[in-house]
Amino acid sequence: MRMLVTGCVCAVTALGSALVLGPMRSEAKDYGQAAQTFPVIEPDLLSTIESRLRRAEASGELARTNEMFAKRVEAKVRRPDPVAGITPARAARTWDFDPSVTMERDIRDQKGNLIAAAGQRINPLDFVAIRQDLVFIDGDDPEQMAWAIARYTDLKAKIILVRGSPVEQMTAKKRRFYFDQAGKLTSRFGIEHTPAVVSQAGKVMRVSEVVLKTGGPG
């Protein structure tokens, strides 16, 4: 009896091993359609864009869009957005601006020689001289424009508008004008009012906001 039980146990163990470790054969069966199915559709995005562009070109819409875009760009070039927050000077004030910067990383030349070490403070005015003043004015203010032109030649200063059209002024005055795009320069120097003049004074840049005398370039 004991031998019979042992034999049965061995048979069950062998069967279990065969199910776990032995080769398994799978058969695919068709269980039918359980629900409605849909085909997977992935349209070619580039083909779709190309098709739309062709339709826009054929209808003239593309040409109209390009023309409108070109006019907008030209308008921005001729008359950029004015620098926000700049008003005419009502009180004279002067201060010094230190252009020194602290190096964030080592600067080396092509041969690997150290030019400036990380953490070192560098003043550009130790190496270069600013020979032209920077004159900031409201280009739409005739008084400020007349004052700047009367006092500064192209060689003596760069006249930078915070409002107005540098292109129109160049055509009318036959000289070069610039524009403070997005107010980057006035913001850096802390200028809030015009006219303002920035000039080198030793190792700093001296900034002056000037009050104009009504009735003349004064």
N, C-alpha and C. Protein backbone atom coordinates (compact mmCIF):
# COMPACT_ATOMS: atom_id res chain seq x y z
N MET A 1 0.84 -1.20 0.00
CA MET A 1 0.00 0.00 0.00
C MET A 1 0.87 1.25 0.00
N ARG A 2 1.89 1.17 0.84
CA ARG A 2 2.82 2.31 0.92
C ARG A 2 3.50 2.55 -0.41
N MET A 3 3.83 1.47 -1.11
CA MET A 3 4.48 1.61 -2.41
C MET A 3 3.52 2.22 -3.42
N LEU A 4 2.20 1.92 -3.31
CA LEU A 4 1.21 2.47 -4.23
C LEU A 4 1.07 3.97 -4.04
N VAL A 5 1.03 4.40 -2.74
CA VAL A 5 0.91 5.84 -2.46
C VAL A 5 2.13 6.60 -2.97
N THR A 6 3.31 5.95 -2.72
CA THR A 6 4.55 6.60 -3.18
C THR A 6 4.55 6.75 -4.68
N GLY A 7 4.08 5.74 -5.37
CA GLY A 7 4.02 5.77 -6.83
C GLY A 7 3.08 6.84 -7.33
N CYS A 8 1.95 7.00 -6.62
CA CYS A 8 1.00 8.05 -7.03
C CYS A 8 1.60 9.44 -6.85
N VAL A 9 2.33 9.62 -5.70
CA VAL A 9 2.96 10.90 -5.45
C VAL A 9 3.99 11.24 -6.52
N CYS A 10 4.77 10.23 -6.89
CA CYS A 10 5.77 10.43 -7.93
C CYS A 10 5.13 10.78 -9.26
N ALA A 11 4.01 10.13 -9.55
CA ALA A 11 3.32 10.39 -10.82
C ALA A 11 2.80 11.82 -10.85
N VAL A 12 2.21 12.30 -9.72
CA VAL A 12 1.68 13.66 -9.65
C VAL A 12 2.80 14.68 -9.77
N THR A 13 3.95 14.35 -9.09
CA THR A 13 5.10 15.25 -9.17
C THR A 13 5.63 15.36 -10.58
N ALA A 14 5.71 14.22 -11.25
CA ALA A 14 6.18 14.22 -12.64
C ALA A 14 5.25 14.98 -13.54
N LEU A 15 3.95 14.86 -13.29
CA LEU A 15 2.98 15.58 -14.11
C LEU A 15 3.11 17.09 -13.90
N GLY A 16 3.30 17.49 -12.65
CA GLY A 16 3.47 18.91 -12.36
C GLY A 16 4.71 19.46 -13.02
N SER A 17 5.81 18.71 -12.96
CA SER A 17 7.05 19.16 -13.60
C SER A 17 6.88 19.30 -15.09
N ALA A 18 6.14 18.41 -15.66
CA ALA A 18 5.91 18.46 -17.10
C ALA A 18 5.10 19.69 -17.48
N LEU A 19 4.14 20.07 -16.63
CA LEU A 19 3.30 21.24 -16.93
C LEU A 19 4.10 22.54 -16.79
N VAL A 20 5.02 22.56 -15.81
CA VAL A 20 5.77 23.80 -15.56
C VAL A 20 6.99 23.92 -16.45
N LEU A 21 7.77 22.87 -16.58
CA LEU A 21 9.04 22.92 -17.25
C LEU A 21 9.01 22.39 -18.67
N GLY A 22 8.07 21.54 -18.98
CA GLY A 22 8.05 20.89 -20.27
C GLY A 22 7.62 21.82 -21.36
N PRO A 23 7.79 21.43 -22.63
CA PRO A 23 7.38 22.25 -23.78
C PRO A 23 5.89 22.46 -23.80
N MET A 24 5.49 23.73 -24.12
CA MET A 24 4.07 24.05 -24.16
C MET A 24 3.67 24.37 -25.58
N ARG A 25 2.52 23.94 -25.97
CA ARG A 25 2.03 24.19 -27.32
C ARG A 25 0.77 25.02 -27.23
N SER A 26 0.78 26.17 -27.90
CA SER A 26 -0.40 27.05 -27.88
C SER A 26 -1.09 26.97 -29.22
N GLU A 27 -2.37 27.05 -29.18
CA GLU A 27 -3.16 27.01 -30.40
C GLU A 27 -4.04 28.25 -30.47
N ALA A 28 -4.00 28.97 -31.62
CA ALA A 28 -4.83 30.15 -31.80
C ALA A 28 -6.24 29.71 -32.15
N LYS A 29 -7.19 30.30 -31.46
CA LYS A 29 -8.59 29.96 -31.72
C LYS A 29 -9.35 31.23 -32.03
N ASP A 30 -10.31 31.15 -32.88
CA ASP A 30 -11.16 32.27 -33.24
C ASP A 30 -12.39 32.24 -32.34
N TYR A 31 -12.46 33.24 -31.43
CA TYR A 31 -13.59 33.28 -30.50
C TYR A 31 -14.72 34.17 -31.01
N GLY A 32 -14.58 34.62 -32.23
CA GLY A 32 -15.62 35.45 -32.80
C GLY A 32 -15.41 36.92 -32.50
N GLN A 33 -16.27 37.80 -32.96
CA GLN A 33 -16.17 39.25 -32.78
C GLN A 33 -17.04 39.65 -31.60
N ALA A 34 -16.38 40.20 -30.56
CA ALA A 34 -17.11 40.56 -29.35
C ALA A 34 -17.77 41.92 -29.47
N ALA A 35 -17.19 42.85 -30.25
CA ALA A 35 -17.74 44.20 -30.41
C ALA A 35 -17.31 44.76 -31.75
N GLN A 36 -17.88 45.93 -32.09
CA GLN A 36 -17.54 46.56 -33.37
C GLN A 36 -16.10 47.04 -33.33
N THR A 37 -15.35 46.84 -34.39
CA THR A 37 -13.96 47.28 -34.48
C THR A 37 -13.81 48.34 -35.55
N PHE A 38 -12.75 49.14 -35.43
CA PHE A 38 -12.49 50.20 -36.39
C PHE A 38 -11.04 50.10 -36.84
N PRO A 39 -10.75 50.42 -38.08
CA PRO A 39 -9.36 50.39 -38.56
C PRO A 39 -8.57 51.55 -37.95
N VAL A 40 -7.27 51.34 -37.66
CA VAL A 40 -6.40 52.37 -37.13
C VAL A 40 -5.91 53.25 -38.28
N ILE A 41 -6.25 54.53 -38.23
CA ILE A 41 -5.90 55.45 -39.31
C ILE A 41 -4.91 56.46 -38.77
N GLU A 42 -3.71 56.58 -39.35
CA GLU A 42 -2.69 57.54 -38.95
C GLU A 42 -2.31 58.39 -40.16
N PRO A 43 -2.98 59.52 -40.36
CA PRO A 43 -2.69 60.34 -41.54
C PRO A 43 -1.28 60.92 -41.47
N ASP A 44 -0.63 61.06 -42.58
CA ASP A 44 0.70 61.63 -42.69
C ASP A 44 0.59 63.15 -42.47
N LEU A 45 1.14 63.63 -41.37
CA LEU A 45 1.02 65.04 -41.02
C LEU A 45 1.62 65.94 -42.09
N LEU A 46 2.80 65.59 -42.60
CA LEU A 46 3.44 66.41 -43.63
C LEU A 46 2.60 66.48 -44.89
N SER A 47 2.01 65.34 -45.24
CA SER A 47 1.16 65.33 -46.44
C SER A 47 -0.06 66.23 -46.24
N THR A 48 -0.61 66.22 -45.02
CA THR A 48 -1.77 67.06 -44.72
C THR A 48 -1.40 68.53 -44.83
N ILE A 49 -0.24 68.92 -44.26
CA ILE A 49 0.20 70.30 -44.32
C ILE A 49 0.46 70.73 -45.76
N GLU A 50 1.13 69.85 -46.51
CA GLU A 50 1.43 70.16 -47.91
C GLU A 50 0.15 70.35 -48.71
N SER A 51 -0.85 69.51 -48.44
CA SER A 51 -2.12 69.62 -49.15
C SER A 51 -2.81 70.94 -48.84
N ARG A 52 -2.78 71.34 -47.57
CA ARG A 52 -3.41 72.60 -47.19
C ARG A 52 -2.67 73.79 -47.80
N LEU A 53 -1.35 73.71 -47.82
CA LEU A 53 -0.57 74.80 -48.43
C LEU A 53 -0.88 74.93 -49.92
N ARG A 54 -1.05 73.80 -50.59
CA ARG A 54 -1.37 73.84 -52.02
C ARG A 54 -2.73 74.48 -52.25
N ARG A 55 -3.69 74.15 -51.39
CA ARG A 55 -5.02 74.75 -51.52
C ARG A 55 -4.96 76.24 -51.25
N ALA A 56 -4.16 76.64 -50.21
CA ALA A 56 -4.03 78.06 -49.89
C ALA A 56 -3.36 78.81 -51.01
N GLU A 57 -2.36 78.18 -51.65
CA GLU A 57 -1.66 78.82 -52.76
C GLU A 57 -2.59 78.98 -53.95
N ALA A 58 -3.36 77.95 -54.23
CA ALA A 58 -4.26 77.99 -55.38
C ALA A 58 -5.35 79.04 -55.20
N SER A 59 -5.82 79.25 -53.97
CA SER A 59 -6.90 80.20 -53.72
C SER A 59 -6.39 81.63 -53.55
N GLY A 60 -5.07 81.79 -53.45
CA GLY A 60 -4.52 83.13 -53.23
C GLY A 60 -4.39 83.49 -51.77
N GLU A 61 -4.86 82.61 -50.88
CA GLU A 61 -4.80 82.89 -49.44
C GLU A 61 -3.36 82.97 -48.95
N LEU A 62 -2.49 82.12 -49.50
CA LEU A 62 -1.09 82.11 -49.07
C LEU A 62 -0.40 83.43 -49.42
N ALA A 63 -0.66 83.93 -50.62
CA ALA A 63 -0.06 85.20 -51.05
C ALA A 63 -0.55 86.34 -50.16
N ARG A 64 -1.84 86.34 -49.82
CA ARG A 64 -2.39 87.40 -48.97
C ARG A 64 -1.78 87.34 -47.57
N THR A 65 -1.59 86.12 -47.06
CA THR A 65 -1.00 85.96 -45.73
C THR A 65 0.44 86.45 -45.71
N ASN A 66 1.20 86.09 -46.75
CA ASN A 66 2.61 86.53 -46.84
C ASN A 66 2.70 88.05 -46.93
N GLU A 67 1.82 88.64 -47.71
CA GLU A 67 1.83 90.10 -47.86
C GLU A 67 1.50 90.79 -46.54
N MET A 68 0.51 90.24 -45.82
CA MET A 68 0.12 90.82 -44.53
C MET A 68 1.27 90.70 -43.53
N PHE A 69 1.92 89.54 -43.53
CA PHE A 69 3.05 89.32 -42.62
C PHE A 69 4.20 90.29 -42.94
N ALA A 70 4.49 90.46 -44.24
CA ALA A 70 5.57 91.36 -44.66
C ALA A 70 5.27 92.79 -44.23
N LYS A 71 4.02 93.21 -44.34
CA LYS A 71 3.64 94.57 -43.95
C LYS A 71 3.80 94.76 -42.45
N ARG A 72 3.45 93.74 -41.68
CA ARG A 72 3.59 93.84 -40.23
C ARG A 72 5.05 93.96 -39.83
N VAL A 73 5.92 93.15 -40.47
CA VAL A 73 7.35 93.20 -40.17
C VAL A 73 7.92 94.56 -40.54
N GLU A 74 7.53 95.07 -41.72
CA GLU A 74 8.02 96.38 -42.16
C GLU A 74 7.59 97.48 -41.20
N ALA A 75 6.33 97.38 -40.72
CA ALA A 75 5.83 98.39 -39.79
C ALA A 75 6.61 98.37 -38.48
N LYS A 76 6.98 97.16 -38.00
CA LYS A 76 7.74 97.04 -36.76
C LYS A 76 9.16 97.58 -36.93
N VAL A 77 9.72 97.38 -38.13
CA VAL A 77 11.07 97.88 -38.39
C VAL A 77 11.05 99.40 -38.47
N ARG A 78 10.06 99.93 -39.16
CA ARG A 78 9.98 101.39 -39.33
C ARG A 78 9.63 102.08 -38.01
N ARG A 79 8.77 101.47 -37.24
CA ARG A 79 8.35 102.07 -35.95
C ARG A 79 8.24 100.96 -34.91
N PRO A 80 9.32 100.68 -34.21
CA PRO A 80 9.29 99.63 -33.18
C PRO A 80 8.39 100.02 -32.01
N ASP A 81 8.04 99.05 -31.19
CA ASP A 81 7.24 99.34 -30.01
C ASP A 81 8.01 100.29 -29.08
N PRO A 82 7.37 101.35 -28.59
CA PRO A 82 8.07 102.29 -27.71
C PRO A 82 8.50 101.63 -26.41
N VAL A 83 9.56 102.15 -25.82
CA VAL A 83 10.03 101.64 -24.53
C VAL A 83 9.05 102.09 -23.46
N ALA A 84 8.52 101.15 -22.72
CA ALA A 84 7.50 101.46 -21.72
C ALA A 84 8.11 102.19 -20.53
N GLY A 85 7.35 103.15 -19.98
CA GLY A 85 7.72 103.79 -18.73
C GLY A 85 8.68 104.95 -18.84
N ILE A 86 9.13 105.31 -20.04
CA ILE A 86 10.07 106.43 -20.20
C ILE A 86 9.29 107.73 -20.41
N THR A 87 9.56 108.75 -19.58
CA THR A 87 8.86 110.03 -19.66
C THR A 87 9.87 111.17 -19.76
N PRO A 88 9.42 112.37 -20.16
CA PRO A 88 10.35 113.51 -20.23
C PRO A 88 10.91 113.86 -18.85
N ALA A 89 12.17 114.25 -18.82
CA ALA A 89 12.83 114.59 -17.57
C ALA A 89 12.26 115.90 -17.00
N ARG A 90 11.88 115.87 -15.73
CA ARG A 90 11.38 117.06 -15.04
C ARG A 90 12.36 117.55 -13.99
N ALA A 91 13.33 116.70 -13.65
CA ALA A 91 14.36 117.08 -12.69
C ALA A 91 15.67 116.45 -13.14
N ALA A 92 16.73 117.24 -13.12
CA ALA A 92 18.04 116.74 -13.55
C ALA A 92 18.61 115.80 -12.49
N ARG A 93 19.21 114.73 -12.93
CA ARG A 93 19.90 113.84 -11.99
C ARG A 93 21.04 113.14 -12.71
N THR A 94 22.07 112.80 -11.94
CA THR A 94 23.27 112.17 -12.50
C THR A 94 23.76 111.08 -11.56
N TRP A 95 24.21 109.97 -12.12
CA TRP A 95 24.75 108.88 -11.32
C TRP A 95 25.77 108.11 -12.14
N ASP A 96 26.57 107.31 -11.47
CA ASP A 96 27.60 106.50 -12.13
C ASP A 96 27.16 105.05 -12.22
N PHE A 97 27.45 104.44 -13.36
CA PHE A 97 27.11 103.04 -13.59
C PHE A 97 28.41 102.25 -13.74
N ASP A 98 28.59 101.24 -12.89
CA ASP A 98 29.77 100.38 -12.95
C ASP A 98 29.48 99.21 -13.88
N PRO A 99 30.17 99.10 -15.02
CA PRO A 99 29.88 98.02 -15.97
C PRO A 99 30.57 96.69 -15.64
N SER A 100 31.22 96.61 -14.50
CA SER A 100 31.95 95.40 -14.14
C SER A 100 31.01 94.19 -14.05
N VAL A 101 31.53 93.03 -14.44
CA VAL A 101 30.77 91.78 -14.37
C VAL A 101 31.62 90.73 -13.67
N THR A 102 30.95 89.80 -13.00
CA THR A 102 31.63 88.69 -12.33
C THR A 102 31.58 87.47 -13.23
N MET A 103 32.73 86.87 -13.51
CA MET A 103 32.79 85.73 -14.42
C MET A 103 32.14 84.50 -13.78
N GLU A 104 31.26 83.85 -14.53
CA GLU A 104 30.59 82.66 -14.03
C GLU A 104 31.44 81.40 -14.22
N ARG A 105 32.39 81.43 -15.15
CA ARG A 105 33.26 80.28 -15.41
C ARG A 105 34.61 80.78 -15.92
N ASP A 106 35.57 79.88 -15.94
CA ASP A 106 36.89 80.23 -16.46
C ASP A 106 36.80 80.56 -17.95
N ILE A 107 37.52 81.56 -18.37
CA ILE A 107 37.62 81.93 -19.78
C ILE A 107 39.05 81.69 -20.22
N ARG A 108 39.21 80.86 -21.25
CA ARG A 108 40.55 80.53 -21.75
C ARG A 108 40.64 80.83 -23.23
N ASP A 109 41.88 81.06 -23.70
CA ASP A 109 42.08 81.28 -25.12
C ASP A 109 42.20 79.94 -25.84
N GLN A 110 42.47 79.97 -27.15
CA GLN A 110 42.51 78.76 -27.95
C GLN A 110 43.61 77.79 -27.50
N LYS A 111 44.64 78.32 -26.84
CA LYS A 111 45.74 77.46 -26.38
C LYS A 111 45.54 76.97 -24.95
N GLY A 112 44.40 77.36 -24.37
CA GLY A 112 44.12 76.90 -23.02
C GLY A 112 44.63 77.82 -21.93
N ASN A 113 45.22 78.93 -22.31
CA ASN A 113 45.72 79.87 -21.30
C ASN A 113 44.55 80.59 -20.63
N LEU A 114 44.62 80.73 -19.32
CA LEU A 114 43.55 81.35 -18.55
C LEU A 114 43.53 82.86 -18.78
N ILE A 115 42.38 83.36 -19.21
CA ILE A 115 42.20 84.79 -19.42
C ILE A 115 41.53 85.42 -18.20
N ALA A 116 40.48 84.76 -17.74
CA ALA A 116 39.76 85.24 -16.55
C ALA A 116 39.23 84.03 -15.80
N ALA A 117 39.38 84.03 -14.49
CA ALA A 117 38.96 82.90 -13.67
C ALA A 117 37.53 83.10 -13.18
N ALA A 118 36.85 81.98 -12.93
CA ALA A 118 35.49 82.03 -12.39
C ALA A 118 35.50 82.80 -11.08
N GLY A 119 34.53 83.72 -10.90
CA GLY A 119 34.46 84.53 -9.70
C GLY A 119 35.23 85.84 -9.78
N GLN A 120 36.06 85.97 -10.81
CA GLN A 120 36.84 87.21 -10.97
C GLN A 120 35.94 88.31 -11.50
N ARG A 121 36.12 89.53 -10.98
CA ARG A 121 35.32 90.66 -11.42
C ARG A 121 36.11 91.45 -12.47
N ILE A 122 35.47 91.64 -13.64
CA ILE A 122 36.12 92.27 -14.77
C ILE A 122 35.39 93.56 -15.13
N ASN A 123 36.16 94.64 -15.34
CA ASN A 123 35.59 95.90 -15.80
C ASN A 123 36.03 96.09 -17.25
N PRO A 124 35.08 96.06 -18.20
CA PRO A 124 35.44 96.23 -19.62
C PRO A 124 36.18 97.52 -19.90
N LEU A 125 35.95 98.55 -19.08
CA LEU A 125 36.61 99.83 -19.31
C LEU A 125 38.09 99.78 -18.99
N ASP A 126 38.57 98.68 -18.42
CA ASP A 126 40.01 98.50 -18.22
C ASP A 126 40.69 98.17 -19.55
N PHE A 127 39.90 97.76 -20.54
CA PHE A 127 40.47 97.29 -21.80
C PHE A 127 40.05 98.12 -23.01
N VAL A 128 38.89 98.76 -22.92
CA VAL A 128 38.39 99.54 -24.07
C VAL A 128 37.97 100.93 -23.60
N ALA A 129 37.94 101.84 -24.56
CA ALA A 129 37.48 103.20 -24.28
C ALA A 129 36.22 103.48 -25.10
N ILE A 130 35.22 104.03 -24.46
CA ILE A 130 33.97 104.38 -25.14
C ILE A 130 34.10 105.81 -25.66
N ARG A 131 34.30 105.97 -26.94
CA ARG A 131 34.59 107.28 -27.52
C ARG A 131 33.33 108.06 -27.91
N GLN A 132 32.21 107.36 -28.04
CA GLN A 132 30.97 108.04 -28.39
C GLN A 132 30.01 108.00 -27.21
N ASP A 133 29.37 109.13 -26.94
CA ASP A 133 28.32 109.15 -25.93
C ASP A 133 27.09 108.41 -26.46
N LEU A 134 26.26 107.94 -25.55
CA LEU A 134 24.96 107.36 -25.90
C LEU A 134 23.90 108.36 -25.48
N VAL A 135 23.13 108.85 -26.44
CA VAL A 135 22.14 109.88 -26.17
C VAL A 135 20.75 109.29 -26.41
N PHE A 136 19.95 109.21 -25.37
CA PHE A 136 18.61 108.62 -25.46
C PHE A 136 17.58 109.74 -25.50
N ILE A 137 16.71 109.68 -26.52
CA ILE A 137 15.67 110.70 -26.67
C ILE A 137 14.36 110.07 -27.13
N ASP A 138 13.29 110.83 -26.98
CA ASP A 138 11.98 110.48 -27.54
C ASP A 138 11.95 111.00 -28.97
N GLY A 139 11.97 110.11 -29.93
CA GLY A 139 12.02 110.52 -31.32
C GLY A 139 10.77 111.21 -31.81
N ASP A 140 9.66 111.10 -31.05
CA ASP A 140 8.43 111.78 -31.43
C ASP A 140 8.33 113.17 -30.80
N ASP A 141 9.33 113.54 -30.00
CA ASP A 141 9.35 114.85 -29.35
C ASP A 141 10.27 115.77 -30.15
N PRO A 142 9.71 116.74 -30.90
CA PRO A 142 10.55 117.63 -31.73
C PRO A 142 11.61 118.37 -30.91
N GLU A 143 11.27 118.76 -29.67
CA GLU A 143 12.21 119.49 -28.84
C GLU A 143 13.43 118.64 -28.49
N GLN A 144 13.19 117.38 -28.11
CA GLN A 144 14.31 116.49 -27.79
C GLN A 144 15.14 116.19 -29.02
N MET A 145 14.49 116.01 -30.16
CA MET A 145 15.21 115.72 -31.40
C MET A 145 16.09 116.90 -31.79
N ALA A 146 15.55 118.13 -31.73
CA ALA A 146 16.32 119.32 -32.07
C ALA A 146 17.50 119.50 -31.12
N TRP A 147 17.28 119.24 -29.84
CA TRP A 147 18.36 119.35 -28.84
C TRP A 147 19.49 118.38 -29.14
N ALA A 148 19.16 117.13 -29.45
CA ALA A 148 20.18 116.11 -29.70
C ALA A 148 20.98 116.41 -30.96
N ILE A 149 20.29 116.81 -32.03
CA ILE A 149 20.97 117.07 -33.30
C ILE A 149 21.88 118.30 -33.19
N ALA A 150 21.44 119.31 -32.43
CA ALA A 150 22.22 120.53 -32.30
C ALA A 150 23.50 120.28 -31.48
N ARG A 151 23.45 119.38 -30.56
CA ARG A 151 24.58 119.17 -29.65
C ARG A 151 25.54 118.06 -30.08
N TYR A 152 25.02 117.05 -30.81
CA TYR A 152 25.83 115.86 -31.06
C TYR A 152 25.90 115.52 -32.55
N THR A 153 27.11 115.34 -33.04
CA THR A 153 27.33 114.85 -34.40
C THR A 153 27.37 113.32 -34.35
N ASP A 154 27.40 112.71 -35.53
CA ASP A 154 27.49 111.24 -35.59
C ASP A 154 28.79 110.74 -34.96
N LEU A 155 29.86 111.53 -35.09
CA LEU A 155 31.14 111.11 -34.53
C LEU A 155 31.16 111.23 -33.01
N LYS A 156 30.42 112.18 -32.48
CA LYS A 156 30.45 112.43 -31.05
C LYS A 156 29.51 111.53 -30.26
N ALA A 157 28.42 111.10 -30.88
CA ALA A 157 27.43 110.33 -30.11
C ALA A 157 26.58 109.45 -31.01
N LYS A 158 26.00 108.43 -30.40
CA LYS A 158 24.96 107.62 -31.03
C LYS A 158 23.63 108.09 -30.44
N ILE A 159 22.74 108.56 -31.29
CA ILE A 159 21.43 109.00 -30.82
C ILE A 159 20.48 107.81 -30.88
N ILE A 160 19.95 107.46 -29.72
CA ILE A 160 19.14 106.25 -29.59
C ILE A 160 17.72 106.65 -29.20
N LEU A 161 16.76 106.25 -30.01
CA LEU A 161 15.35 106.58 -29.75
C LEU A 161 14.73 105.57 -28.80
N VAL A 162 13.84 106.07 -27.94
CA VAL A 162 13.03 105.18 -27.10
C VAL A 162 11.59 105.16 -27.60
N ARG A 163 11.30 106.04 -28.54
CA ARG A 163 9.98 106.09 -29.18
C ARG A 163 10.17 106.77 -30.53
N GLY A 164 9.34 106.37 -31.51
CA GLY A 164 9.43 107.00 -32.81
C GLY A 164 9.99 106.07 -33.87
N SER A 165 10.27 106.64 -35.02
CA SER A 165 10.73 105.86 -36.17
C SER A 165 12.15 106.26 -36.56
N PRO A 166 13.14 105.42 -36.27
CA PRO A 166 14.51 105.75 -36.68
C PRO A 166 14.66 105.82 -38.20
N VAL A 167 13.89 105.03 -38.93
CA VAL A 167 13.97 105.04 -40.39
C VAL A 167 13.50 106.38 -40.94
N GLU A 168 12.36 106.86 -40.44
CA GLU A 168 11.84 108.14 -40.91
C GLU A 168 12.79 109.29 -40.54
N GLN A 169 13.36 109.22 -39.35
CA GLN A 169 14.27 110.28 -38.93
C GLN A 169 15.56 110.27 -39.75
N MET A 170 16.05 109.09 -40.09
CA MET A 170 17.25 109.01 -40.92
C MET A 170 16.99 109.60 -42.30
N THR A 171 15.80 109.36 -42.83
CA THR A 171 15.44 109.91 -44.14
C THR A 171 15.32 111.43 -44.07
N ALA A 172 14.72 111.91 -42.99
CA ALA A 172 14.48 113.35 -42.87
C ALA A 172 15.74 114.13 -42.48
N LYS A 173 16.53 113.57 -41.57
CA LYS A 173 17.68 114.31 -41.04
C LYS A 173 19.01 113.95 -41.72
N LYS A 174 18.99 112.93 -42.57
CA LYS A 174 20.20 112.52 -43.30
C LYS A 174 21.36 112.16 -42.37
N ARG A 175 21.05 111.45 -41.29
CA ARG A 175 22.08 110.96 -40.38
C ARG A 175 21.57 109.70 -39.71
N ARG A 176 22.44 109.01 -38.99
CA ARG A 176 22.09 107.71 -38.44
C ARG A 176 21.41 107.83 -37.08
N PHE A 177 20.37 107.02 -36.88
CA PHE A 177 19.70 106.92 -35.59
C PHE A 177 19.56 105.45 -35.21
N TYR A 178 19.43 105.21 -33.91
CA TYR A 178 19.29 103.85 -33.40
C TYR A 178 18.02 103.76 -32.57
N PHE A 179 17.69 102.54 -32.14
CA PHE A 179 16.49 102.36 -31.31
C PHE A 179 16.81 101.38 -30.18
N ASP A 180 16.32 101.70 -29.00
CA ASP A 180 16.54 100.85 -27.82
C ASP A 180 15.51 99.73 -27.82
N GLN A 181 15.80 98.66 -28.54
CA GLN A 181 14.86 97.56 -28.67
C GLN A 181 14.54 96.94 -27.31
N ALA A 182 13.24 96.87 -26.99
CA ALA A 182 12.74 96.25 -25.75
C ALA A 182 13.29 96.94 -24.50
N GLY A 183 13.85 98.15 -24.67
CA GLY A 183 14.33 98.90 -23.52
C GLY A 183 15.51 98.27 -22.80
N LYS A 184 16.31 97.48 -23.52
CA LYS A 184 17.42 96.78 -22.87
C LYS A 184 18.48 97.73 -22.32
N LEU A 185 18.81 98.79 -23.09
CA LEU A 185 19.86 99.71 -22.65
C LEU A 185 19.38 100.62 -21.53
N THR A 186 18.20 101.24 -21.71
CA THR A 186 17.68 102.12 -20.66
C THR A 186 17.48 101.35 -19.36
N SER A 187 17.03 100.11 -19.47
CA SER A 187 16.84 99.30 -18.27
C SER A 187 18.18 99.01 -17.59
N ARG A 188 19.19 98.70 -18.38
CA ARG A 188 20.51 98.38 -17.82
C ARG A 188 21.13 99.58 -17.12
N PHE A 189 20.99 100.77 -17.71
CA PHE A 189 21.57 101.96 -17.11
C PHE A 189 20.67 102.60 -16.05
N GLY A 190 19.43 102.14 -15.94
CA GLY A 190 18.51 102.70 -14.96
C GLY A 190 17.86 104.00 -15.40
N ILE A 191 17.81 104.23 -16.70
CA ILE A 191 17.24 105.48 -17.23
C ILE A 191 15.71 105.41 -17.20
N GLU A 192 15.10 106.46 -16.66
CA GLU A 192 13.65 106.54 -16.57
C GLU A 192 13.08 107.73 -17.34
N HIS A 193 13.96 108.69 -17.68
CA HIS A 193 13.49 109.91 -18.33
C HIS A 193 14.46 110.30 -19.45
N THR A 194 13.93 111.03 -20.44
CA THR A 194 14.76 111.52 -21.54
C THR A 194 14.61 113.03 -21.66
N PRO A 195 15.62 113.70 -22.24
CA PRO A 195 16.87 113.16 -22.76
C PRO A 195 17.77 112.61 -21.65
N ALA A 196 18.58 111.62 -22.02
CA ALA A 196 19.56 111.06 -21.10
C ALA A 196 20.85 110.83 -21.86
N VAL A 197 21.96 111.10 -21.21
CA VAL A 197 23.28 110.96 -21.85
C VAL A 197 24.14 110.03 -21.02
N VAL A 198 24.77 109.07 -21.69
CA VAL A 198 25.68 108.13 -21.03
C VAL A 198 27.06 108.32 -21.64
N SER A 199 28.05 108.61 -20.81
CA SER A 199 29.42 108.82 -21.30
C SER A 199 30.41 108.22 -20.32
N GLN A 200 31.59 107.88 -20.83
CA GLN A 200 32.61 107.29 -19.98
C GLN A 200 33.24 108.36 -19.08
N ALA A 201 33.41 107.98 -17.80
CA ALA A 201 34.10 108.85 -16.84
C ALA A 201 35.08 107.97 -16.06
N GLY A 202 36.25 107.78 -16.63
CA GLY A 202 37.23 106.90 -16.00
C GLY A 202 36.82 105.44 -16.12
N LYS A 203 36.63 104.78 -14.98
CA LYS A 203 36.28 103.36 -14.97
C LYS A 203 34.79 103.11 -14.79
N VAL A 204 33.97 104.19 -14.92
CA VAL A 204 32.53 104.04 -14.83
C VAL A 204 31.88 104.77 -16.00
N MET A 205 30.60 104.51 -16.19
CA MET A 205 29.81 105.24 -17.17
C MET A 205 28.92 106.22 -16.42
N ARG A 206 29.03 107.50 -16.77
CA ARG A 206 28.24 108.52 -16.09
C ARG A 206 26.93 108.73 -16.85
N VAL A 207 25.82 108.64 -16.12
CA VAL A 207 24.48 108.77 -16.71
C VAL A 207 23.85 110.06 -16.21
N SER A 208 23.33 110.85 -17.15
CA SER A 208 22.69 112.13 -16.79
C SER A 208 21.35 112.25 -17.49
N GLU A 209 20.30 112.53 -16.73
CA GLU A 209 19.01 112.86 -17.30
C GLU A 209 18.92 114.38 -17.33
N VAL A 210 18.57 114.93 -18.49
CA VAL A 210 18.68 116.37 -18.74
C VAL A 210 17.28 116.99 -18.86
N VAL A 211 17.12 118.11 -18.18
CA VAL A 211 15.86 118.88 -18.30
C VAL A 211 16.04 119.93 -19.39
N LEU A 212 15.19 119.91 -20.40
CA LEU A 212 15.30 120.86 -21.49
C LEU A 212 14.58 122.16 -21.15
N LYS A 213 15.16 123.26 -21.62
CA LYS A 213 14.53 124.55 -21.46
C LYS A 213 13.51 124.74 -22.58
N THR A 214 12.27 125.01 -22.23
CA THR A 214 11.22 125.18 -23.21
C THR A 214 11.54 126.33 -24.16
N GLY A 215 11.38 126.05 -25.46
CA GLY A 215 11.57 127.11 -26.45
C GLY A 215 12.89 127.05 -27.18
N GLY A 216 13.72 126.04 -26.88
CA GLY A 216 14.98 125.98 -27.61
C GLY A 216 15.75 124.75 -27.24
N PRO A 217 16.80 124.44 -28.00
CA PRO A 217 17.58 123.24 -27.75
C PRO A 217 18.42 123.33 -26.52
N GLY A 218 18.65 124.52 -25.97
CA GLY A 218 19.33 124.82 -24.74
C GLY A 218 20.29 123.87 -24.16
